[in-house]
Structure formats: C-alpha cells, structure tokens
Amino acid sequence: MKCEICRKRIEETFLKKVLGTYVKDKKGKKHAVCFECQKKFPTKEELLKHI
C-alpha cells in the first residue's frame, strides 16, 4: 500500500495492519497516510488539503 501524499510504500505488520492511518474525506472515501506525513501535517484538514 502507498501513501496518498508522498507515494512511499507504507509498512505493514504481519497481520497486514498499516503502520500509519486512514483519513476519510467528505464523501467517505478512505485515504492511507504514512507515519511521516502524519507528523508533517498534524490535523485532518491539512492532510486532506495535500491529498
């Protein structure tokens, strides 16, 4: 799986859980975001602006 912002590969645990987060937009679509981008853009609004 790739980050929607930086397009880097997101690491997964052995149970296929993402080491990052998912952010929902207004329409309810989920976007995967890596841990580094989550640090750069701390609020949900900032993350959605860069997607």
N, C-alpha and C. Protein backbone atom coordinates (compact mmCIF):
# COMPACT_ATOMS: atom_id res chain seq x y z
N MET A 1 0.85 -1.17 0.00
CA MET A 1 0.00 0.00 0.00
C MET A 1 0.89 1.23 0.00
N LYS A 2 0.46 2.30 -0.67
CA LYS A 2 1.26 3.51 -0.78
C LYS A 2 0.54 4.69 -0.12
N CYS A 3 1.34 5.63 0.36
CA CYS A 3 0.82 6.84 0.97
C CYS A 3 0.20 7.72 -0.12
N GLU A 4 -0.93 8.33 0.19
CA GLU A 4 -1.62 9.18 -0.79
C GLU A 4 -0.90 10.52 -0.99
N ILE A 5 -0.06 10.92 -0.04
CA ILE A 5 0.61 12.22 -0.14
C ILE A 5 1.98 12.09 -0.78
N CYS A 6 2.86 11.26 -0.20
CA CYS A 6 4.24 11.18 -0.68
C CYS A 6 4.50 10.00 -1.61
N ARG A 7 3.55 9.10 -1.76
CA ARG A 7 3.63 7.93 -2.65
C ARG A 7 4.69 6.91 -2.24
N LYS A 8 5.15 6.99 -0.98
CA LYS A 8 6.08 5.97 -0.48
C LYS A 8 5.28 4.76 -0.02
N ARG A 9 5.95 3.63 0.03
CA ARG A 9 5.30 2.40 0.48
C ARG A 9 5.10 2.46 1.98
N ILE A 10 3.90 2.12 2.45
CA ILE A 10 3.58 2.11 3.86
C ILE A 10 3.85 0.70 4.39
N GLU A 11 4.60 0.64 5.47
CA GLU A 11 4.91 -0.64 6.09
C GLU A 11 3.65 -1.25 6.71
N GLU A 12 3.64 -2.59 6.77
CA GLU A 12 2.51 -3.31 7.36
C GLU A 12 3.03 -4.27 8.41
N THR A 13 2.20 -4.59 9.40
CA THR A 13 2.56 -5.60 10.39
C THR A 13 2.32 -6.98 9.78
N PHE A 14 2.65 -8.00 10.52
CA PHE A 14 2.47 -9.35 9.99
C PHE A 14 0.99 -9.70 9.84
N LEU A 15 0.10 -8.95 10.48
CA LEU A 15 -1.34 -9.17 10.33
C LEU A 15 -1.95 -8.26 9.27
N LYS A 16 -1.10 -7.65 8.47
CA LYS A 16 -1.49 -6.76 7.36
C LYS A 16 -2.17 -5.48 7.84
N LYS A 17 -1.81 -5.01 9.04
CA LYS A 17 -2.30 -3.72 9.52
C LYS A 17 -1.31 -2.65 9.08
N VAL A 18 -1.81 -1.49 8.74
CA VAL A 18 -1.00 -0.40 8.23
C VAL A 18 -0.32 0.34 9.38
N LEU A 19 0.98 0.63 9.23
CA LEU A 19 1.69 1.45 10.20
C LEU A 19 1.55 2.90 9.76
N GLY A 20 0.42 3.44 9.98
CA GLY A 20 0.04 4.79 9.58
C GLY A 20 -1.41 4.96 9.97
N THR A 21 -2.15 5.66 9.14
CA THR A 21 -3.56 5.87 9.44
C THR A 21 -4.36 6.01 8.16
N TYR A 22 -5.65 5.95 8.31
CA TYR A 22 -6.58 6.23 7.22
C TYR A 22 -7.32 7.52 7.56
N VAL A 23 -7.54 8.36 6.53
CA VAL A 23 -8.27 9.61 6.70
C VAL A 23 -9.45 9.57 5.75
N LYS A 24 -10.64 9.87 6.27
CA LYS A 24 -11.83 9.92 5.43
C LYS A 24 -12.08 11.34 4.94
N ASP A 25 -12.45 11.46 3.67
CA ASP A 25 -12.82 12.77 3.15
C ASP A 25 -14.32 12.98 3.29
N LYS A 26 -14.83 14.05 2.72
CA LYS A 26 -16.26 14.39 2.85
C LYS A 26 -17.17 13.31 2.27
N LYS A 27 -16.71 12.67 1.20
CA LYS A 27 -17.53 11.65 0.53
C LYS A 27 -17.46 10.30 1.22
N GLY A 28 -16.57 10.16 2.22
CA GLY A 28 -16.45 8.90 2.95
C GLY A 28 -15.37 7.98 2.41
N LYS A 29 -14.61 8.43 1.42
CA LYS A 29 -13.53 7.61 0.87
C LYS A 29 -12.34 7.63 1.82
N LYS A 30 -11.73 6.46 2.04
CA LYS A 30 -10.57 6.37 2.92
C LYS A 30 -9.29 6.57 2.13
N HIS A 31 -8.38 7.35 2.70
CA HIS A 31 -7.07 7.60 2.11
C HIS A 31 -6.01 7.14 3.11
N ALA A 32 -5.03 6.37 2.65
CA ALA A 32 -3.96 5.89 3.51
C ALA A 32 -2.86 6.95 3.60
N VAL A 33 -2.38 7.19 4.83
CA VAL A 33 -1.34 8.18 5.06
C VAL A 33 -0.25 7.53 5.91
N CYS A 34 1.01 7.74 5.53
CA CYS A 34 2.12 7.15 6.28
C CYS A 34 2.41 7.94 7.55
N PHE A 35 3.25 7.35 8.39
CA PHE A 35 3.58 7.94 9.68
C PHE A 35 4.33 9.26 9.53
N GLU A 36 5.22 9.37 8.53
CA GLU A 36 6.00 10.59 8.33
C GLU A 36 5.11 11.76 7.90
N CYS A 37 4.18 11.51 7.00
CA CYS A 37 3.27 12.57 6.55
C CYS A 37 2.32 12.96 7.67
N GLN A 38 2.00 12.01 8.51
CA GLN A 38 1.14 12.29 9.65
C GLN A 38 1.84 13.24 10.62
N LYS A 39 3.17 13.12 10.75
CA LYS A 39 3.93 14.04 11.59
C LYS A 39 3.99 15.44 10.98
N LYS A 40 4.16 15.51 9.65
CA LYS A 40 4.27 16.80 8.97
C LYS A 40 2.97 17.59 9.03
N PHE A 41 1.86 16.90 8.86
CA PHE A 41 0.54 17.55 8.82
C PHE A 41 -0.32 17.00 9.94
N PRO A 42 -0.30 17.62 11.12
CA PRO A 42 -0.95 17.03 12.30
C PRO A 42 -2.49 17.03 12.28
N THR A 43 -3.12 17.93 11.53
CA THR A 43 -4.58 17.98 11.55
C THR A 43 -5.16 17.29 10.32
N LYS A 44 -6.40 16.86 10.45
CA LYS A 44 -7.09 16.17 9.36
C LYS A 44 -7.27 17.09 8.16
N GLU A 45 -7.54 18.35 8.40
CA GLU A 45 -7.75 19.31 7.31
C GLU A 45 -6.50 19.49 6.48
N GLU A 46 -5.34 19.57 7.16
CA GLU A 46 -4.08 19.72 6.44
C GLU A 46 -3.78 18.48 5.61
N LEU A 47 -4.05 17.30 6.15
CA LEU A 47 -3.82 16.06 5.40
C LEU A 47 -4.69 16.01 4.16
N LEU A 48 -5.95 16.36 4.30
CA LEU A 48 -6.86 16.30 3.15
C LEU A 48 -6.50 17.35 2.11
N LYS A 49 -5.94 18.49 2.52
CA LYS A 49 -5.56 19.52 1.57
C LYS A 49 -4.41 19.03 0.67
N HIS A 50 -3.51 18.23 1.22
CA HIS A 50 -2.35 17.77 0.46
C HIS A 50 -2.64 16.50 -0.34
N ILE A 51 -3.78 15.87 -0.13
CA ILE A 51 -4.15 14.70 -0.91
C ILE A 51 -4.71 15.17 -2.18
